Amino acid sequence: MNDGPGFQYPHAEPVHADVDISGVHVLVVDDEPDAREIFEAVLRRGGAIVTSAASASEALEKLGAERPTVLLSDIAMPGVDGLALIQAIRSRSDWAANIPAGALSAHAREIDRESALGRGYDLHLAKPVEPTELIRAVDRLARRGLRLEDDVAG
């Protein structure tokens, strides 16, 4: 990521969300480098730890090596798309099967939202996503993950 002198992210202003995502580890999956950079920058300004992947296969590798708190994935990716990715994740037999996940998509019709939720995503965000909306979504997903952990432990 290019964040050298003079480089400005499109959303370079501070993110003023009413929630705190400090320490939440987010895996962002998007085949578009610019989109990944924007999501990474916004989430990092919100205090999140961000890992990114450019494809579904790279995301699956990272889930094998790391343990993110939340997954955010684009739907329309070449090869294995975001819908197939979430189905592969939900069919796993390890911790990742229950990772809270948000779909990111330029397709914002109700049928697109229903498709994403029906395949295993916990929420659907229409691109472009406002920075505060993204931060709030990650907070909701992270809280869902904490509830799941409490249910398993209790």
Foldseek 3Di string as FASTA:
>chain_A
DDPDPPDAQPPNDQDDAPDAPAAQEEEEEALDPSVVVNLVVLVVSSRYHYDYYNDLVRVVVVVVVDPGQEYEYEADDPDQGPLNSLLVQCPDPDPSVPRAYEYEYCDDDPVVQCSSVVSPHPGYDHPPDDSNRSSVVSVVRSVVSVVVVVVVVD
